[in-house]
Amino acid sequence: MIRSELLQVLAKESPGMRGEEIERVVDVFFDEIAKRLADGGRVELRGFGAFSTRERDARKGRNPRTGDSVEVPGKRVPYFKPGKDMRQRLNTD
């Protein structure tokens, strides 16, 4: 599903809201998750899962074009751990 499809589903499920309002709610929702992760925090949505960040150590990489060895700096990357309900929904027959 892409963002525009999500907006369409929400618009269909919320006939009392205008499209601009729905789009604003989605923007705020994702912006708040991103802000919390950027601050080093964690976002937990019960039944769905938890968003957090993980540290990646610096390492030596290779430039695929030239084959030269390059230093890749350490960084934080987003991580998602699905909740119990989500895992059950994904694994039902």
PDB file of N, CA and C in Angstrom:
ATOM      1  N   MET A   1       0.849  -1.177   0.000  1.00  0.00           N
ATOM      2  CA  MET A   1       0.000   0.000   0.000  1.00  0.00           C
ATOM      3  C   MET A   1       0.890   1.235   0.000  1.00  0.00           C
ATOM      4  N   ILE A   2       0.529   2.187  -0.806  1.00  0.00           N
ATOM      5  CA  ILE A   2       1.252   3.459  -0.825  1.00  0.00           C
ATOM      6  C   ILE A   2       0.410   4.531  -0.128  1.00  0.00           C
ATOM      7  N   ARG A   3       1.033   5.664   0.118  1.00  0.00           N
ATOM      8  CA  ARG A   3       0.394   6.725   0.903  1.00  0.00           C
ATOM      9  C   ARG A   3      -0.968   7.141   0.325  1.00  0.00           C
ATOM     10  N   SER A   4      -1.041   7.307  -0.987  1.00  0.00           N
ATOM     11  CA  SER A   4      -2.305   7.743  -1.601  1.00  0.00           C
ATOM     12  C   SER A   4      -3.404   6.699  -1.414  1.00  0.00           C
ATOM     13  N   GLU A   5      -3.051   5.421  -1.441  1.00  0.00           N
ATOM     14  CA  GLU A   5      -4.045   4.371  -1.199  1.00  0.00           C
ATOM     15  C   GLU A   5      -4.537   4.412   0.247  1.00  0.00           C
ATOM     16  N   LEU A   6      -3.622   4.666   1.179  1.00  0.00           N
ATOM     17  CA  LEU A   6      -4.006   4.802   2.584  1.00  0.00           C
ATOM     18  C   LEU A   6      -4.981   5.958   2.754  1.00  0.00           C
ATOM     19  N   LEU A   7      -4.693   7.086   2.120  1.00  0.00           N
ATOM     20  CA  LEU A   7      -5.579   8.252   2.207  1.00  0.00           C
ATOM     21  C   LEU A   7      -6.966   7.932   1.643  1.00  0.00           C
ATOM     22  N   GLN A   8      -7.017   7.183   0.555  1.00  0.00           N
ATOM     23  CA  GLN A   8      -8.295   6.813  -0.039  1.00  0.00           C
ATOM     24  C   GLN A   8      -9.114   5.923   0.897  1.00  0.00           C
ATOM     25  N   VAL A   9      -8.464   4.957   1.523  1.00  0.00           N
ATOM     26  CA  VAL A   9      -9.161   4.066   2.463  1.00  0.00           C
ATOM     27  C   VAL A   9      -9.684   4.863   3.647  1.00  0.00           C
ATOM     28  N   LEU A  10      -8.859   5.751   4.193  1.00  0.00           N
ATOM     29  CA  LEU A  10      -9.287   6.565   5.325  1.00  0.00           C
ATOM     30  C   LEU A  10     -10.445   7.483   4.945  1.00  0.00           C
ATOM     31  N   ALA A  11     -10.412   8.033   3.745  1.00  0.00           N
ATOM     32  CA  ALA A  11     -11.500   8.905   3.284  1.00  0.00           C
ATOM     33  C   ALA A  11     -12.805   8.114   3.167  1.00  0.00           C
ATOM     34  N   LYS A  12     -12.706   6.887   2.670  1.00  0.00           N
ATOM     35  CA  LYS A  12     -13.887   6.038   2.531  1.00  0.00           C
ATOM     36  C   LYS A  12     -14.457   5.660   3.901  1.00  0.00           C
ATOM     37  N   GLU A  13     -13.578   5.414   4.874  1.00  0.00           N
ATOM     38  CA  GLU A  13     -13.996   5.009   6.216  1.00  0.00           C
ATOM     39  C   GLU A  13     -14.432   6.194   7.082  1.00  0.00           C
ATOM     40  N   SER A  14     -14.104   7.412   6.664  1.00  0.00           N
ATOM     41  CA  SER A  14     -14.430   8.616   7.441  1.00  0.00           C
ATOM     42  C   SER A  14     -15.153   9.624   6.556  1.00  0.00           C
ATOM     43  N   PRO A  15     -16.404   9.365   6.211  1.00  0.00           N
ATOM     44  CA  PRO A  15     -17.110  10.243   5.273  1.00  0.00           C
ATOM     45  C   PRO A  15     -17.329  11.660   5.798  1.00  0.00           C
ATOM     46  N   GLY A  16     -17.248  11.863   7.111  1.00  0.00           N
ATOM     47  CA  GLY A  16     -17.457  13.194   7.674  1.00  0.00           C
ATOM     48  C   GLY A  16     -16.236  14.101   7.600  1.00  0.00           C
ATOM     49  N   MET A  17     -15.099  13.572   7.173  1.00  0.00           N
ATOM     50  CA  MET A  17     -13.877  14.374   7.117  1.00  0.00           C
ATOM     51  C   MET A  17     -13.537  14.714   5.673  1.00  0.00           C
ATOM     52  N   ARG A  18     -13.009  15.916   5.488  1.00  0.00           N
ATOM     53  CA  ARG A  18     -12.551  16.320   4.153  1.00  0.00           C
ATOM     54  C   ARG A  18     -11.198  15.671   3.869  1.00  0.00           C
ATOM     55  N   GLY A  19     -10.857  15.587   2.612  1.00  0.00           N
ATOM     56  CA  GLY A  19      -9.588  14.994   2.196  1.00  0.00           C
ATOM     57  C   GLY A  19      -8.383  15.693   2.789  1.00  0.00           C
ATOM     58  N   GLU A  20      -8.452  17.031   2.893  1.00  0.00           N
ATOM     59  CA  GLU A  20      -7.337  17.801   3.452  1.00  0.00           C
ATOM     60  C   GLU A  20      -7.129  17.468   4.932  1.00  0.00           C
ATOM     61  N   GLU A  21      -8.239  17.257   5.638  1.00  0.00           N
ATOM     62  CA  GLU A  21      -8.154  16.916   7.066  1.00  0.00           C
ATOM     63  C   GLU A  21      -7.512  15.542   7.265  1.00  0.00           C
ATOM     64  N   ILE A  22      -7.914  14.607   6.448  1.00  0.00           N
ATOM     65  CA  ILE A  22      -7.355  13.258   6.535  1.00  0.00           C
ATOM     66  C   ILE A  22      -5.861  13.292   6.215  1.00  0.00           C
ATOM     67  N   GLU A  23      -5.503  14.030   5.193  1.00  0.00           N
ATOM     68  CA  GLU A  23      -4.093  14.139   4.820  1.00  0.00           C
ATOM     69  C   GLU A  23      -3.278  14.772   5.946  1.00  0.00           C
ATOM     70  N   ARG A  24      -3.835  15.756   6.602  1.00  0.00           N
ATOM     71  CA  ARG A  24      -3.149  16.418   7.721  1.00  0.00           C
ATOM     72  C   ARG A  24      -2.941  15.452   8.886  1.00  0.00           C
ATOM     73  N   VAL A  25      -3.963  14.649   9.194  1.00  0.00           N
ATOM     74  CA  VAL A  25      -3.851  13.665  10.274  1.00  0.00           C
ATOM     75  C   VAL A  25      -2.727  12.661   9.963  1.00  0.00           C
ATOM     76  N   VAL A  26      -2.689  12.175   8.734  1.00  0.00           N
ATOM     77  CA  VAL A  26      -1.645  11.216   8.340  1.00  0.00           C
ATOM     78  C   VAL A  26      -0.272  11.874   8.425  1.00  0.00           C
ATOM     79  N   ASP A  27      -0.147  13.123   7.965  1.00  0.00           N
ATOM     80  CA  ASP A  27       1.134  13.839   8.043  1.00  0.00           C
ATOM     81  C   ASP A  27       1.602  13.983   9.486  1.00  0.00           C
ATOM     82  N   VAL A  28       0.698  14.386  10.373  1.00  0.00           N
ATOM     83  CA  VAL A  28       1.055  14.563  11.789  1.00  0.00           C
ATOM     84  C   VAL A  28       1.459  13.225  12.398  1.00  0.00           C
ATOM     85  N   PHE A  29       0.725  12.181  12.092  1.00  0.00           N
ATOM     86  CA  PHE A  29       1.010  10.851  12.621  1.00  0.00           C
ATOM     87  C   PHE A  29       2.436  10.414  12.277  1.00  0.00           C
ATOM     88  N   PHE A  30       2.781  10.478  10.998  1.00  0.00           N
ATOM     89  CA  PHE A  30       4.117  10.037  10.582  1.00  0.00           C
ATOM     90  C   PHE A  30       5.210  11.004  11.032  1.00  0.00           C
ATOM     91  N   ASP A  31       4.923  12.301  11.047  1.00  0.00           N
ATOM     92  CA  ASP A  31       5.913  13.279  11.520  1.00  0.00           C
ATOM     93  C   ASP A  31       6.250  13.060  12.988  1.00  0.00           C
ATOM     94  N   GLU A  32       5.245  12.764  13.802  1.00  0.00           N
ATOM     95  CA  GLU A  32       5.494  12.541  15.223  1.00  0.00           C
ATOM     96  C   GLU A  32       6.318  11.279  15.462  1.00  0.00           C
ATOM     97  N   ILE A  33       6.060  10.240  14.695  1.00  0.00           N
ATOM     98  CA  ILE A  33       6.876   9.024  14.812  1.00  0.00           C
ATOM     99  C   ILE A  33       8.317   9.343  14.434  1.00  0.00           C
ATOM    100  N   ALA A  34       8.508  10.050  13.324  1.00  0.00           N
ATOM    101  CA  ALA A  34       9.864  10.384  12.875  1.00  0.00           C
ATOM    102  C   ALA A  34      10.592  11.267  13.886  1.00  0.00           C
ATOM    103  N   LYS A  35       9.890  12.250  14.465  1.00  0.00           N
ATOM    104  CA  LYS A  35      10.515  13.127  15.463  1.00  0.00           C
ATOM    105  C   LYS A  35      10.967  12.334  16.685  1.00  0.00           C
ATOM    106  N   ARG A  36      10.099  11.450  17.163  1.00  0.00           N
ATOM    107  CA  ARG A  36      10.439  10.662  18.353  1.00  0.00           C
ATOM    108  C   ARG A  36      11.660   9.782  18.085  1.00  0.00           C
ATOM    109  N   LEU A  37      11.711   9.159  16.908  1.00  0.00           N
ATOM    110  CA  LEU A  37      12.857   8.318  16.564  1.00  0.00           C
ATOM    111  C   LEU A  37      14.123   9.146  16.420  1.00  0.00           C
ATOM    112  N   ALA A  38      14.014  10.343  15.832  1.00  0.00           N
ATOM    113  CA  ALA A  38      15.176  11.220  15.676  1.00  0.00           C
ATOM    114  C   ALA A  38      15.724  11.652  17.024  1.00  0.00           C
ATOM    115  N   ASP A  39      14.846  11.769  18.023  1.00  0.00           N
ATOM    116  CA  ASP A  39      15.275  12.145  19.375  1.00  0.00           C
ATOM    117  C   ASP A  39      15.789  10.946  20.165  1.00  0.00           C
ATOM    118  N   GLY A  40      15.842   9.787  19.542  1.00  0.00           N
ATOM    119  CA  GLY A  40      16.336   8.591  20.217  1.00  0.00           C
ATOM    120  C   GLY A  40      15.267   7.847  20.988  1.00  0.00           C
ATOM    121  N   GLY A  41      14.009   8.226  20.796  1.00  0.00           N
ATOM    122  CA  GLY A  41      12.916   7.601  21.528  1.00  0.00           C
ATOM    123  C   GLY A  41      12.375   6.371  20.841  1.00  0.00           C
ATOM    124  N   ARG A  42      11.254   5.900  21.363  1.00  0.00           N
ATOM    125  CA  ARG A  42      10.604   4.691  20.883  1.00  0.00           C
ATOM    126  C   ARG A  42       9.114   4.992  20.757  1.00  0.00           C
ATOM    127  N   VAL A  43       8.473   4.417  19.750  1.00  0.00           N
ATOM    128  CA  VAL A  43       7.025   4.589  19.562  1.00  0.00           C
ATOM    129  C   VAL A  43       6.396   3.208  19.586  1.00  0.00           C
ATOM    130  N   GLU A  44       5.474   2.998  20.527  1.00  0.00           N
ATOM    131  CA  GLU A  44       4.807   1.703  20.648  1.00  0.00           C
ATOM    132  C   GLU A  44       3.322   1.869  20.374  1.00  0.00           C
ATOM    133  N   LEU A  45       2.826   1.099  19.423  1.00  0.00           N
ATOM    134  CA  LEU A  45       1.405   1.078  19.090  1.00  0.00           C
ATOM    135  C   LEU A  45       0.885  -0.302  19.468  1.00  0.00           C
ATOM    136  N   ARG A  46       0.195  -0.381  20.589  1.00  0.00           N
ATOM    137  CA  ARG A  46      -0.255  -1.674  21.130  1.00  0.00           C
ATOM    138  C   ARG A  46      -1.022  -2.470  20.086  1.00  0.00           C
ATOM    139  N   GLY A  47      -0.685  -3.729  19.968  1.00  0.00           N
ATOM    140  CA  GLY A  47      -1.327  -4.613  19.012  1.00  0.00           C
ATOM    141  C   GLY A  47      -0.726  -4.527  17.616  1.00  0.00           C
ATOM    142  N   PHE A  48      -0.002  -3.473  17.321  1.00  0.00           N
ATOM    143  CA  PHE A  48       0.594  -3.299  16.006  1.00  0.00           C
ATOM    144  C   PHE A  48       2.089  -3.579  16.056  1.00  0.00           C
ATOM    145  N   GLY A  49       2.812  -2.805  16.886  1.00  0.00           N
ATOM    146  CA  GLY A  49       4.241  -3.016  17.005  1.00  0.00           C
ATOM    147  C   GLY A  49       4.943  -1.806  17.573  1.00  0.00           C
ATOM    148  N   ALA A  50       6.267  -1.863  17.576  1.00  0.00           N
ATOM    149  CA  ALA A  50       7.059  -0.781  18.148  1.00  0.00           C
ATOM    150  C   ALA A  50       8.136  -0.352  17.159  1.00  0.00           C
ATOM    151  N   PHE A  51       8.284   0.969  17.025  1.00  0.00           N
ATOM    152  CA  PHE A  51       9.330   1.554  16.204  1.00  0.00           C
ATOM    153  C   PHE A  51      10.442   2.027  17.128  1.00  0.00           C
ATOM    154  N   SER A  52      11.672   1.753  16.766  1.00  0.00           N
ATOM    155  CA  SER A  52      12.819   2.231  17.528  1.00  0.00           C
ATOM    156  C   SER A  52      13.981   2.390  16.564  1.00  0.00           C
ATOM    157  N   THR A  53      15.137   2.725  17.100  1.00  0.00           N
ATOM    158  CA  THR A  53      16.327   2.814  16.258  1.00  0.00           C
ATOM    159  C   THR A  53      17.382   1.860  16.795  1.00  0.00           C
ATOM    160  N   ARG A  54      18.269   1.471  15.924  1.00  0.00           N
ATOM    161  CA  ARG A  54      19.398   0.622  16.291  1.00  0.00           C
ATOM    162  C   ARG A  54      20.668   1.266  15.768  1.00  0.00           C
ATOM    163  N   GLU A  55      21.738   1.031  16.491  1.00  0.00           N
ATOM    164  CA  GLU A  55      23.037   1.576  16.098  1.00  0.00           C
ATOM    165  C   GLU A  55      23.736   0.603  15.157  1.00  0.00           C
ATOM    166  N   ARG A  56      24.304   1.140  14.099  1.00  0.00           N
ATOM    167  CA  ARG A  56      25.159   0.350  13.210  1.00  0.00           C
ATOM    168  C   ARG A  56      26.582   0.849  13.394  1.00  0.00           C
ATOM    169  N   ASP A  57      27.498  -0.061  13.609  1.00  0.00           N
ATOM    170  CA  ASP A  57      28.897   0.313  13.792  1.00  0.00           C
ATOM    171  C   ASP A  57      29.510   0.761  12.480  1.00  0.00           C
ATOM    172  N   ALA A  58      30.581   1.554  12.603  1.00  0.00           N
ATOM    173  CA  ALA A  58      31.345   1.936  11.419  1.00  0.00           C
ATOM    174  C   ALA A  58      31.986   0.668  10.850  1.00  0.00           C
ATOM    175  N   ARG A  59      32.181   0.645   9.541  1.00  0.00           N
ATOM    176  CA  ARG A  59      32.755  -0.543   8.908  1.00  0.00           C
ATOM    177  C   ARG A  59      33.482  -0.156   7.637  1.00  0.00           C
ATOM    178  N   LYS A  60      34.210  -1.093   7.114  1.00  0.00           N
ATOM    179  CA  LYS A  60      34.854  -0.889   5.816  1.00  0.00           C
ATOM    180  C   LYS A  60      33.924  -1.428   4.745  1.00  0.00           C
ATOM    181  N   GLY A  61      33.698  -0.607   3.731  1.00  0.00           N
ATOM    182  CA  GLY A  61      32.869  -1.017   2.615  1.00  0.00           C
ATOM    183  C   GLY A  61      33.689  -1.004   1.338  1.00  0.00           C
ATOM    184  N   ARG A  62      33.041  -1.278   0.239  1.00  0.00           N
ATOM    185  CA  ARG A  62      33.729  -1.308  -1.042  1.00  0.00           C
ATOM    186  C   ARG A  62      32.916  -0.528  -2.063  1.00  0.00           C
ATOM    187  N   ASN A  63      33.594   0.353  -2.792  1.00  0.00           N
ATOM    188  CA  ASN A  63      32.956   1.081  -3.880  1.00  0.00           C
ATOM    189  C   ASN A  63      32.722   0.080  -5.010  1.00  0.00           C
ATOM    190  N   PRO A  64      31.462  -0.188  -5.384  1.00  0.00           N
ATOM    191  CA  PRO A  64      31.203  -1.209  -6.409  1.00  0.00           C
ATOM    192  C   PRO A  64      31.731  -0.833  -7.793  1.00  0.00           C
ATOM    193  N   ARG A  65      31.859   0.448  -8.056  1.00  0.00           N
ATOM    194  CA  ARG A  65      32.330   0.874  -9.366  1.00  0.00           C
ATOM    195  C   ARG A  65      33.840   0.699  -9.518  1.00  0.00           C
ATOM    196  N   THR A  66      34.586   1.121  -8.477  1.00  0.00           N
ATOM    197  CA  THR A  66      36.049   1.086  -8.584  1.00  0.00           C
ATOM    198  C   THR A  66      36.680  -0.076  -7.827  1.00  0.00           C
ATOM    199  N   GLY A  67      35.964  -0.641  -6.872  1.00  0.00           N
ATOM    200  CA  GLY A  67      36.517  -1.719  -6.069  1.00  0.00           C
ATOM    201  C   GLY A  67      37.359  -1.219  -4.907  1.00  0.00           C
ATOM    202  N   ASP A  68      37.504   0.095  -4.771  1.00  0.00           N
ATOM    203  CA  ASP A  68      38.298   0.668  -3.682  1.00  0.00           C
ATOM    204  C   ASP A  68      37.595   0.468  -2.349  1.00  0.00           C
ATOM    205  N   SER A  69      38.397   0.313  -1.305  1.00  0.00           N
ATOM    206  CA  SER A  69      37.870   0.191   0.042  1.00  0.00           C
ATOM    207  C   SER A  69      37.543   1.583   0.576  1.00  0.00           C
ATOM    208  N   VAL A  70      36.370   1.726   1.222  1.00  0.00           N
ATOM    209  CA  VAL A  70      35.957   3.016   1.779  1.00  0.00           C
ATOM    210  C   VAL A  70      35.462   2.818   3.206  1.00  0.00           C
ATOM    211  N   GLU A  71      35.598   3.862   4.016  1.00  0.00           N
ATOM    212  CA  GLU A  71      35.083   3.827   5.377  1.00  0.00           C
ATOM    213  C   GLU A  71      33.604   4.223   5.370  1.00  0.00           C
ATOM    214  N   VAL A  72      32.767   3.398   5.966  1.00  0.00           N
ATOM    215  CA  VAL A  72      31.347   3.697   6.096  1.00  0.00           C
ATOM    216  C   VAL A  72      31.129   4.062   7.566  1.00  0.00           C
ATOM    217  N   PRO A  73      30.694   5.299   7.833  1.00  0.00           N
ATOM    218  CA  PRO A  73      30.537   5.718   9.232  1.00  0.00           C
ATOM    219  C   PRO A  73      29.395   4.980   9.933  1.00  0.00           C
ATOM    220  N   GLY A  74      29.457   4.941  11.253  1.00  0.00           N
ATOM    221  CA  GLY A  74      28.374   4.365  12.039  1.00  0.00           C
ATOM    222  C   GLY A  74      27.139   5.241  11.918  1.00  0.00           C
ATOM    223  N   LYS A  75      25.979   4.656  12.125  1.00  0.00           N
ATOM    224  CA  LYS A  75      24.743   5.441  12.011  1.00  0.00           C
ATOM    225  C   LYS A  75      23.616   4.737  12.755  1.00  0.00           C
ATOM    226  N   ARG A  76      22.544   5.481  12.960  1.00  0.00           N
ATOM    227  CA  ARG A  76      21.322   4.918  13.532  1.00  0.00           C
ATOM    228  C   ARG A  76      20.370   4.597  12.397  1.00  0.00           C
ATOM    229  N   VAL A  77      19.707   3.463  12.502  1.00  0.00           N
ATOM    230  CA  VAL A  77      18.741   3.056  11.486  1.00  0.00           C
ATOM    231  C   VAL A  77      17.416   2.725  12.151  1.00  0.00           C
ATOM    232  N   PRO A  78      16.288   2.969  11.472  1.00  0.00           N
ATOM    233  CA  PRO A  78      14.992   2.642  12.054  1.00  0.00           C
ATOM    234  C   PRO A  78      14.795   1.127  12.122  1.00  0.00           C
ATOM    235  N   TYR A  79      14.044   0.696  13.134  1.00  0.00           N
ATOM    236  CA  TYR A  79      13.774  -0.717  13.341  1.00  0.00           C
ATOM    237  C   TYR A  79      12.316  -0.861  13.761  1.00  0.00           C
ATOM    238  N   PHE A  80      11.644  -1.882  13.253  1.00  0.00           N
ATOM    239  CA  PHE A  80      10.261  -2.147  13.607  1.00  0.00           C
ATOM    240  C   PHE A  80      10.152  -3.561  14.148  1.00  0.00           C
ATOM    241  N   LYS A  81       9.513  -3.697  15.297  1.00  0.00           N
ATOM    242  CA  LYS A  81       9.256  -5.010  15.877  1.00  0.00           C
ATOM    243  C   LYS A  81       7.743  -5.182  15.959  1.00  0.00           C
ATOM    244  N   PRO A  82       7.198  -6.139  15.214  1.00  0.00           N
ATOM    245  CA  PRO A  82       5.749  -6.322  15.238  1.00  0.00           C
ATOM    246  C   PRO A  82       5.268  -6.797  16.604  1.00  0.00           C
ATOM    247  N   GLY A  83       4.053  -6.378  16.973  1.00  0.00           N
ATOM    248  CA  GLY A  83       3.437  -6.786  18.227  1.00  0.00           C
ATOM    249  C   GLY A  83       2.855  -8.185  18.116  1.00  0.00           C
ATOM    250  N   LYS A  84       2.437  -8.709  19.246  1.00  0.00           N
ATOM    251  CA  LYS A  84       1.893 -10.067  19.311  1.00  0.00           C
ATOM    252  C   LYS A  84       0.679 -10.225  18.396  1.00  0.00           C
ATOM    253  N   ASP A  85      -0.249  -9.280  18.443  1.00  0.00           N
ATOM    254  CA  ASP A  85      -1.448  -9.360  17.594  1.00  0.00           C
ATOM    255  C   ASP A  85      -1.079  -9.351  16.116  1.00  0.00           C
ATOM    256  N   MET A  86      -0.112  -8.519  15.746  1.00  0.00           N
ATOM    257  CA  MET A  86       0.313  -8.446  14.338  1.00  0.00           C
ATOM    258  C   MET A  86       0.927  -9.773  13.897  1.00  0.00           C
ATOM    259  N   ARG A  87       1.771 -10.354  14.733  1.00  0.00           N
ATOM    260  CA  ARG A  87       2.390 -11.633  14.379  1.00  0.00           C
ATOM    261  C   ARG A  87       1.328 -12.714  14.207  1.00  0.00           C
ATOM    262  N   GLN A  88       0.324 -12.711  15.084  1.00  0.00           N
ATOM    263  CA  GLN A  88      -0.748 -13.710  14.980  1.00  0.00           C
ATOM    264  C   GLN A  88      -1.548 -13.531  13.693  1.00  0.00           C
ATOM    265  N   ARG A  89      -1.831 -12.285  13.341  1.00  0.00           N
ATOM    266  CA  ARG A  89      -2.600 -12.032  12.091  1.00  0.00           C
ATOM    267  C   ARG A  89      -1.821 -12.476  10.858  1.00  0.00           C
ATOM    268  N   LEU A  90      -0.504 -12.297  10.909  1.00  0.00           N
ATOM    269  CA  LEU A  90       0.324 -12.677   9.763  1.00  0.00           C
ATOM    270  C   LEU A  90       0.485 -14.183   9.623  1.00  0.00           C
ATOM    271  N   ASN A  91       0.331 -14.919  10.715  1.00  0.00           N
ATOM    272  CA  ASN A  91       0.610 -16.344  10.707  1.00  0.00           C
ATOM    273  C   ASN A  91      -0.612 -17.222  10.898  1.00  0.00           C
ATOM    274  N   THR A  92      -1.811 -16.695  10.628  1.00  0.00           N
ATOM    275  CA  THR A  92      -3.012 -17.532  10.686  1.00  0.00           C
ATOM    276  C   THR A  92      -3.209 -18.207   9.344  1.00  0.00           C
ATOM    277  N   ASP A  93      -3.735 -19.393   9.406  1.00  0.00           N
ATOM    278  CA  ASP A  93      -3.954 -20.158   8.147  1.00  0.00           C
ATOM    279  C   ASP A  93      -5.277 -19.848   7.524  1.00  0.00           C
TER     280      ASP A  93
END
